[in-house]
Amino acid sequence: MQPSPLLFLCLMNIEEFKEYAEKAKSLPPSTKDSDKLVLYGLYKQATIGDVNNVRPGFFRPMERAKWDAWKAVKVLGNP
């Protein structure tokens, strides 16, 4: 069983987090969209916390996918 990416975020210091966040801005073109969405969700969770807005509608697929990625890493124990 692999450790949770969220656990990894909890164990790093703020400088490491900023360094990795900056590196994520220049991912190689071969990076899959699904992997980018995971990184997006983890970044939003680490910087803002749990999802705090309404899920975008059907006609906004990119925003909806990003919202879903963020919602997927919601902190355990929060309803």
PDB file of N, CA and C in Angstrom:
ATOM      1  N   MET A   1       0.837  -1.178   0.000  1.00  0.00           N
ATOM      2  CA  MET A   1       0.000   0.000   0.000  1.00  0.00           C
ATOM      3  C   MET A   1       0.886   1.248   0.000  1.00  0.00           C
ATOM      4  N   GLN A   2       0.625   2.169  -0.926  1.00  0.00           N
ATOM      5  CA  GLN A   2       1.406   3.396  -1.012  1.00  0.00           C
ATOM      6  C   GLN A   2       0.887   4.434  -0.029  1.00  0.00           C
ATOM      7  N   PRO A   3       1.793   5.264   0.509  1.00  0.00           N
ATOM      8  CA  PRO A   3       1.326   6.332   1.398  1.00  0.00           C
ATOM      9  C   PRO A   3       0.529   7.373   0.620  1.00  0.00           C
ATOM     10  N   SER A   4      -0.378   8.005   1.279  1.00  0.00           N
ATOM     11  CA  SER A   4      -1.228   9.019   0.671  1.00  0.00           C
ATOM     12  C   SER A   4      -0.410  10.246   0.284  1.00  0.00           C
ATOM     13  N   PRO A   5      -0.672  10.843  -0.911  1.00  0.00           N
ATOM     14  CA  PRO A   5       0.002  12.098  -1.267  1.00  0.00           C
ATOM     15  C   PRO A   5      -0.323  13.200  -0.257  1.00  0.00           C
ATOM     16  N   LEU A   6      -1.505  13.157   0.331  1.00  0.00           N
ATOM     17  CA  LEU A   6      -1.891  14.166   1.311  1.00  0.00           C
ATOM     18  C   LEU A   6      -1.017  14.047   2.565  1.00  0.00           C
ATOM     19  N   LEU A   7      -0.671  12.829   2.953  1.00  0.00           N
ATOM     20  CA  LEU A   7       0.216  12.619   4.092  1.00  0.00           C
ATOM     21  C   LEU A   7       1.577  13.223   3.799  1.00  0.00           C
ATOM     22  N   PHE A   8       2.053  13.050   2.580  1.00  0.00           N
ATOM     23  CA  PHE A   8       3.334  13.633   2.172  1.00  0.00           C
ATOM     24  C   PHE A   8       3.298  15.147   2.331  1.00  0.00           C
ATOM     25  N   LEU A   9       2.209  15.785   1.905  1.00  0.00           N
ATOM     26  CA  LEU A   9       2.078  17.236   2.046  1.00  0.00           C
ATOM     27  C   LEU A   9       2.117  17.660   3.509  1.00  0.00           C
ATOM     28  N   CYS A  10       1.513  16.873   4.368  1.00  0.00           N
ATOM     29  CA  CYS A  10       1.468  17.209   5.788  1.00  0.00           C
ATOM     30  C   CYS A  10       2.846  17.140   6.437  1.00  0.00           C
ATOM     31  N   LEU A  11       3.733  16.322   5.891  1.00  0.00           N
ATOM     32  CA  LEU A  11       5.038  16.108   6.505  1.00  0.00           C
ATOM     33  C   LEU A  11       6.110  17.073   6.011  1.00  0.00           C
ATOM     34  N   MET A  12       5.860  17.805   4.946  1.00  0.00           N
ATOM     35  CA  MET A  12       6.886  18.718   4.437  1.00  0.00           C
ATOM     36  C   MET A  12       6.731  20.107   5.044  1.00  0.00           C
ATOM     37  N   ASN A  13       7.819  20.864   5.018  1.00  0.00           N
ATOM     38  CA  ASN A  13       7.742  22.228   5.538  1.00  0.00           C
ATOM     39  C   ASN A  13       7.297  23.183   4.430  1.00  0.00           C
ATOM     40  N   ILE A  14       7.034  24.418   4.794  1.00  0.00           N
ATOM     41  CA  ILE A  14       6.471  25.385   3.846  1.00  0.00           C
ATOM     42  C   ILE A  14       7.417  25.676   2.687  1.00  0.00           C
ATOM     43  N   GLU A  15       8.710  25.689   2.940  1.00  0.00           N
ATOM     44  CA  GLU A  15       9.676  25.961   1.866  1.00  0.00           C
ATOM     45  C   GLU A  15       9.693  24.818   0.850  1.00  0.00           C
ATOM     46  N   GLU A  16       9.632  23.594   1.341  1.00  0.00           N
ATOM     47  CA  GLU A  16       9.566  22.442   0.432  1.00  0.00           C
ATOM     48  C   GLU A  16       8.286  22.510  -0.390  1.00  0.00           C
ATOM     49  N   PHE A  17       7.187  22.856   0.266  1.00  0.00           N
ATOM     50  CA  PHE A  17       5.911  22.946  -0.436  1.00  0.00           C
ATOM     51  C   PHE A  17       5.994  23.977  -1.558  1.00  0.00           C
ATOM     52  N   LYS A  18       6.533  25.148  -1.253  1.00  0.00           N
ATOM     53  CA  LYS A  18       6.652  26.196  -2.276  1.00  0.00           C
ATOM     54  C   LYS A  18       7.540  25.747  -3.429  1.00  0.00           C
ATOM     55  N   GLU A  19       8.613  25.035  -3.112  1.00  0.00           N
ATOM     56  CA  GLU A  19       9.527  24.531  -4.140  1.00  0.00           C
ATOM     57  C   GLU A  19       8.808  23.547  -5.074  1.00  0.00           C
ATOM     58  N   TYR A  20       8.094  22.590  -4.499  1.00  0.00           N
ATOM     59  CA  TYR A  20       7.383  21.612  -5.319  1.00  0.00           C
ATOM     60  C   TYR A  20       6.232  22.248  -6.098  1.00  0.00           C
ATOM     61  N   ALA A  21       5.559  23.220  -5.503  1.00  0.00           N
ATOM     62  CA  ALA A  21       4.477  23.919  -6.204  1.00  0.00           C
ATOM     63  C   ALA A  21       5.021  24.652  -7.423  1.00  0.00           C
ATOM     64  N   GLU A  22       6.189  25.246  -7.276  1.00  0.00           N
ATOM     65  CA  GLU A  22       6.810  25.952  -8.404  1.00  0.00           C
ATOM     66  C   GLU A  22       7.234  24.972  -9.501  1.00  0.00           C
ATOM     67  N   LYS A  23       7.782  23.833  -9.106  1.00  0.00           N
ATOM     68  CA  LYS A  23       8.183  22.806 -10.083  1.00  0.00           C
ATOM     69  C   LYS A  23       6.975  22.276 -10.853  1.00  0.00           C
ATOM     70  N   ALA A  24       5.836  22.201 -10.189  1.00  0.00           N
ATOM     71  CA  ALA A  24       4.631  21.669 -10.830  1.00  0.00           C
ATOM     72  C   ALA A  24       4.144  22.573 -11.966  1.00  0.00           C
ATOM     73  N   LYS A  25       4.559  23.822 -11.953  1.00  0.00           N
ATOM     74  CA  LYS A  25       4.152  24.751 -13.014  1.00  0.00           C
ATOM     75  C   LYS A  25       4.848  24.462 -14.336  1.00  0.00           C
ATOM     76  N   SER A  26       5.920  23.693 -14.298  1.00  0.00           N
ATOM     77  CA  SER A  26       6.663  23.395 -15.526  1.00  0.00           C
ATOM     78  C   SER A  26       6.776  21.884 -15.748  1.00  0.00           C
ATOM     79  N   LEU A  27       5.659  21.212 -15.672  1.00  0.00           N
ATOM     80  CA  LEU A  27       5.630  19.771 -15.907  1.00  0.00           C
ATOM     81  C   LEU A  27       5.898  19.478 -17.377  1.00  0.00           C
ATOM     82  N   PRO A  28       6.473  18.323 -17.673  1.00  0.00           N
ATOM     83  CA  PRO A  28       6.705  17.972 -19.076  1.00  0.00           C
ATOM     84  C   PRO A  28       5.379  17.800 -19.822  1.00  0.00           C
ATOM     85  N   PRO A  29       5.387  18.069 -21.128  1.00  0.00           N
ATOM     86  CA  PRO A  29       4.155  17.942 -21.926  1.00  0.00           C
ATOM     87  C   PRO A  29       3.534  16.547 -21.874  1.00  0.00           C
ATOM     88  N   SER A  30       4.337  15.548 -21.557  1.00  0.00           N
ATOM     89  CA  SER A  30       3.825  14.171 -21.522  1.00  0.00           C
ATOM     90  C   SER A  30       3.016  13.872 -20.260  1.00  0.00           C
ATOM     91  N   THR A  31       2.951  14.812 -19.323  1.00  0.00           N
ATOM     92  CA  THR A  31       2.198  14.594 -18.085  1.00  0.00           C
ATOM     93  C   THR A  31       0.715  14.433 -18.399  1.00  0.00           C
ATOM     94  N   LYS A  32       0.126  13.354 -17.894  1.00  0.00           N
ATOM     95  CA  LYS A  32      -1.286  13.075 -18.159  1.00  0.00           C
ATOM     96  C   LYS A  32      -2.181  14.081 -17.430  1.00  0.00           C
ATOM     97  N   ASP A  33      -3.316  14.378 -18.047  1.00  0.00           N
ATOM     98  CA  ASP A  33      -4.276  15.294 -17.437  1.00  0.00           C
ATOM     99  C   ASP A  33      -4.728  14.790 -16.069  1.00  0.00           C
ATOM    100  N   SER A  34      -4.882  13.490 -15.938  1.00  0.00           N
ATOM    101  CA  SER A  34      -5.323  12.934 -14.655  1.00  0.00           C
ATOM    102  C   SER A  34      -4.296  13.217 -13.549  1.00  0.00           C
ATOM    103  N   ASP A  35      -3.010  13.163 -13.900  1.00  0.00           N
ATOM    104  CA  ASP A  35      -1.967  13.473 -12.923  1.00  0.00           C
ATOM    105  C   ASP A  35      -1.964  14.963 -12.570  1.00  0.00           C
ATOM    106  N   LYS A  36      -2.202  15.803 -13.564  1.00  0.00           N
ATOM    107  CA  LYS A  36      -2.277  17.243 -13.308  1.00  0.00           C
ATOM    108  C   LYS A  36      -3.447  17.566 -12.395  1.00  0.00           C
ATOM    109  N   LEU A  37      -4.542  16.870 -12.579  1.00  0.00           N
ATOM    110  CA  LEU A  37      -5.709  17.106 -11.728  1.00  0.00           C
ATOM    111  C   LEU A  37      -5.444  16.683 -10.289  1.00  0.00           C
ATOM    112  N   VAL A  38      -4.723  15.602 -10.096  1.00  0.00           N
ATOM    113  CA  VAL A  38      -4.367  15.172  -8.739  1.00  0.00           C
ATOM    114  C   VAL A  38      -3.520  16.252  -8.068  1.00  0.00           C
ATOM    115  N   LEU A  39      -2.527  16.759  -8.790  1.00  0.00           N
ATOM    116  CA  LEU A  39      -1.677  17.822  -8.243  1.00  0.00           C
ATOM    117  C   LEU A  39      -2.495  19.072  -7.929  1.00  0.00           C
ATOM    118  N   TYR A  40      -3.414  19.410  -8.814  1.00  0.00           N
ATOM    119  CA  TYR A  40      -4.273  20.573  -8.592  1.00  0.00           C
ATOM    120  C   TYR A  40      -5.094  20.399  -7.311  1.00  0.00           C
ATOM    121  N   GLY A  41      -5.699  19.237  -7.158  1.00  0.00           N
ATOM    122  CA  GLY A  41      -6.515  18.974  -5.972  1.00  0.00           C
ATOM    123  C   GLY A  41      -5.702  19.047  -4.691  1.00  0.00           C
ATOM    124  N   LEU A  42      -4.502  18.488  -4.715  1.00  0.00           N
ATOM    125  CA  LEU A  42      -3.644  18.530  -3.540  1.00  0.00           C
ATOM    126  C   LEU A  42      -3.201  19.958  -3.225  1.00  0.00           C
ATOM    127  N   TYR A  43      -2.897  20.728  -4.272  1.00  0.00           N
ATOM    128  CA  TYR A  43      -2.489  22.120  -4.065  1.00  0.00           C
ATOM    129  C   TYR A  43      -3.620  22.931  -3.436  1.00  0.00           C
ATOM    130  N   LYS A  44      -4.811  22.792  -3.987  1.00  0.00           N
ATOM    131  CA  LYS A  44      -5.958  23.535  -3.448  1.00  0.00           C
ATOM    132  C   LYS A  44      -6.250  23.112  -2.006  1.00  0.00           C
ATOM    133  N   GLN A  45      -6.169  21.827  -1.734  1.00  0.00           N
ATOM    134  CA  GLN A  45      -6.423  21.338  -0.376  1.00  0.00           C
ATOM    135  C   GLN A  45      -5.391  21.899   0.597  1.00  0.00           C
ATOM    136  N   ALA A  46      -4.130  21.940   0.161  1.00  0.00           N
ATOM    137  CA  ALA A  46      -3.060  22.419   1.031  1.00  0.00           C
ATOM    138  C   ALA A  46      -3.105  23.929   1.243  1.00  0.00           C
ATOM    139  N   THR A  47      -3.559  24.680   0.239  1.00  0.00           N
ATOM    140  CA  THR A  47      -3.529  26.137   0.347  1.00  0.00           C
ATOM    141  C   THR A  47      -4.843  26.742   0.829  1.00  0.00           C
ATOM    142  N   ILE A  48      -5.972  26.078   0.554  1.00  0.00           N
ATOM    143  CA  ILE A  48      -7.281  26.631   0.919  1.00  0.00           C
ATOM    144  C   ILE A  48      -8.003  25.762   1.936  1.00  0.00           C
ATOM    145  N   GLY A  49      -7.880  24.456   1.783  1.00  0.00           N
ATOM    146  CA  GLY A  49      -8.615  23.528   2.645  1.00  0.00           C
ATOM    147  C   GLY A  49      -9.696  22.841   1.834  1.00  0.00           C
ATOM    148  N   ASP A  50     -10.721  22.368   2.518  1.00  0.00           N
ATOM    149  CA  ASP A  50     -11.801  21.650   1.829  1.00  0.00           C
ATOM    150  C   ASP A  50     -12.512  22.548   0.815  1.00  0.00           C
ATOM    151  N   VAL A  51     -13.070  21.917  -0.194  1.00  0.00           N
ATOM    152  CA  VAL A  51     -13.842  22.626  -1.223  1.00  0.00           C
ATOM    153  C   VAL A  51     -14.842  23.557  -0.540  1.00  0.00           C
ATOM    154  N   ASN A  52     -14.884  24.788  -1.018  1.00  0.00           N
ATOM    155  CA  ASN A  52     -15.733  25.782  -0.368  1.00  0.00           C
ATOM    156  C   ASN A  52     -16.700  26.471  -1.327  1.00  0.00           C
ATOM    157  N   ASN A  53     -16.959  25.829  -2.458  1.00  0.00           N
ATOM    158  CA  ASN A  53     -17.899  26.410  -3.419  1.00  0.00           C
ATOM    159  C   ASN A  53     -18.735  25.307  -4.067  1.00  0.00           C
ATOM    160  N   VAL A  54     -19.687  25.708  -4.863  1.00  0.00           N
ATOM    161  CA  VAL A  54     -20.614  24.777  -5.508  1.00  0.00           C
ATOM    162  C   VAL A  54     -19.947  24.156  -6.732  1.00  0.00           C
ATOM    163  N   ARG A  55     -20.230  22.888  -6.970  1.00  0.00           N
ATOM    164  CA  ARG A  55     -19.677  22.183  -8.125  1.00  0.00           C
ATOM    165  C   ARG A  55     -20.141  22.858  -9.415  1.00  0.00           C
ATOM    166  N   PRO A  56     -19.194  23.171 -10.316  1.00  0.00           N
ATOM    167  CA  PRO A  56     -19.560  23.790 -11.594  1.00  0.00           C
ATOM    168  C   PRO A  56     -20.508  22.906 -12.401  1.00  0.00           C
ATOM    169  N   GLY A  57     -21.246  23.540 -13.274  1.00  0.00           N
ATOM    170  CA  GLY A  57     -22.236  22.844 -14.074  1.00  0.00           C
ATOM    171  C   GLY A  57     -21.661  22.010 -15.206  1.00  0.00           C
ATOM    172  N   PHE A  58     -22.534  21.278 -15.842  1.00  0.00           N
ATOM    173  CA  PHE A  58     -22.200  20.348 -16.911  1.00  0.00           C
ATOM    174  C   PHE A  58     -21.491  21.024 -18.081  1.00  0.00           C
ATOM    175  N   PHE A  59     -21.801  22.271 -18.365  1.00  0.00           N
ATOM    176  CA  PHE A  59     -21.252  22.964 -19.520  1.00  0.00           C
ATOM    177  C   PHE A  59     -19.897  23.618 -19.231  1.00  0.00           C
ATOM    178  N   ARG A  60     -19.333  23.335 -18.088  1.00  0.00           N
ATOM    179  CA  ARG A  60     -17.998  23.821 -17.728  1.00  0.00           C
ATOM    180  C   ARG A  60     -17.147  22.620 -17.308  1.00  0.00           C
ATOM    181  N   PRO A  61     -16.810  21.750 -18.274  1.00  0.00           N
ATOM    182  CA  PRO A  61     -16.151  20.476 -17.938  1.00  0.00           C
ATOM    183  C   PRO A  61     -14.776  20.625 -17.283  1.00  0.00           C
ATOM    184  N   MET A  62     -13.970  21.601 -17.689  1.00  0.00           N
ATOM    185  CA  MET A  62     -12.646  21.751 -17.090  1.00  0.00           C
ATOM    186  C   MET A  62     -12.762  22.168 -15.622  1.00  0.00           C
ATOM    187  N   GLU A  63     -13.611  23.158 -15.351  1.00  0.00           N
ATOM    188  CA  GLU A  63     -13.792  23.599 -13.979  1.00  0.00           C
ATOM    189  C   GLU A  63     -14.390  22.497 -13.116  1.00  0.00           C
ATOM    190  N   ARG A  64     -15.269  21.709 -13.712  1.00  0.00           N
ATOM    191  CA  ARG A  64     -15.908  20.603 -12.998  1.00  0.00           C
ATOM    192  C   ARG A  64     -14.879  19.526 -12.641  1.00  0.00           C
ATOM    193  N   ALA A  65     -13.980  19.214 -13.576  1.00  0.00           N
ATOM    194  CA  ALA A  65     -12.940  18.212 -13.324  1.00  0.00           C
ATOM    195  C   ALA A  65     -11.996  18.685 -12.227  1.00  0.00           C
ATOM    196  N   LYS A  66     -11.663  19.961 -12.240  1.00  0.00           N
ATOM    197  CA  LYS A  66     -10.794  20.509 -11.202  1.00  0.00           C
ATOM    198  C   LYS A  66     -11.483  20.477  -9.836  1.00  0.00           C
ATOM    199  N   TRP A  67     -12.761  20.817  -9.816  1.00  0.00           N
ATOM    200  CA  TRP A  67     -13.527  20.778  -8.566  1.00  0.00           C
ATOM    201  C   TRP A  67     -13.557  19.345  -8.028  1.00  0.00           C
ATOM    202  N   ASP A  68     -13.819  18.391  -8.916  1.00  0.00           N
ATOM    203  CA  ASP A  68     -13.862  16.976  -8.507  1.00  0.00           C
ATOM    204  C   ASP A  68     -12.513  16.521  -7.949  1.00  0.00           C
ATOM    205  N   ALA A  69     -11.415  16.968  -8.576  1.00  0.00           N
ATOM    206  CA  ALA A  69     -10.079  16.594  -8.100  1.00  0.00           C
ATOM    207  C   ALA A  69      -9.829  17.161  -6.709  1.00  0.00           C
ATOM    208  N   TRP A  70     -10.279  18.368  -6.481  1.00  0.00           N
ATOM    209  CA  TRP A  70     -10.116  19.003  -5.173  1.00  0.00           C
ATOM    210  C   TRP A  70     -10.971  18.279  -4.133  1.00  0.00           C
ATOM    211  N   LYS A  71     -12.197  17.981  -4.495  1.00  0.00           N
ATOM    212  CA  LYS A  71     -13.124  17.290  -3.586  1.00  0.00           C
ATOM    213  C   LYS A  71     -12.587  15.898  -3.217  1.00  0.00           C
ATOM    214  N   ALA A  72     -11.888  15.260  -4.149  1.00  0.00           N
ATOM    215  CA  ALA A  72     -11.385  13.900  -3.935  1.00  0.00           C
ATOM    216  C   ALA A  72     -10.334  13.825  -2.824  1.00  0.00           C
ATOM    217  N   VAL A  73      -9.674  14.929  -2.512  1.00  0.00           N
ATOM    218  CA  VAL A  73      -8.639  14.897  -1.474  1.00  0.00           C
ATOM    219  C   VAL A  73      -9.096  15.585  -0.195  1.00  0.00           C
ATOM    220  N   LYS A  74     -10.395  15.712  -0.053  1.00  0.00           N
ATOM    221  CA  LYS A  74     -10.972  16.304   1.149  1.00  0.00           C
ATOM    222  C   LYS A  74     -10.432  15.578   2.387  1.00  0.00           C
ATOM    223  N   VAL A  75     -10.134  16.325   3.405  1.00  0.00           N
ATOM    224  CA  VAL A  75      -9.570  15.748   4.633  1.00  0.00           C
ATOM    225  C   VAL A  75     -10.561  14.750   5.234  1.00  0.00           C
ATOM    226  N   LEU A  76     -10.029  13.598   5.575  1.00  0.00           N
ATOM    227  CA  LEU A  76     -10.871  12.570   6.186  1.00  0.00           C
ATOM    228  C   LEU A  76     -11.450  13.071   7.488  1.00  0.00           C
ATOM    229  N   GLY A  77     -12.687  12.734   7.728  1.00  0.00           N
ATOM    230  CA  GLY A  77     -13.336  13.129   8.963  1.00  0.00           C
ATOM    231  C   GLY A  77     -14.201  14.363   8.818  1.00  0.00           C
ATOM    232  N   ASN A  78     -14.013  15.106   7.735  1.00  0.00           N
ATOM    233  CA  ASN A  78     -14.880  16.256   7.479  1.00  0.00           C
ATOM    234  C   ASN A  78     -16.037  15.808   6.596  1.00  0.00           C
ATOM    235  N   PRO A  79     -17.268  16.095   6.978  1.00  0.00           N
ATOM    236  CA  PRO A  79     -18.416  15.621   6.180  1.00  0.00           C
ATOM    237  C   PRO A  79     -18.510  16.289   4.825  1.00  0.00           C
TER     238      PRO A  79
END
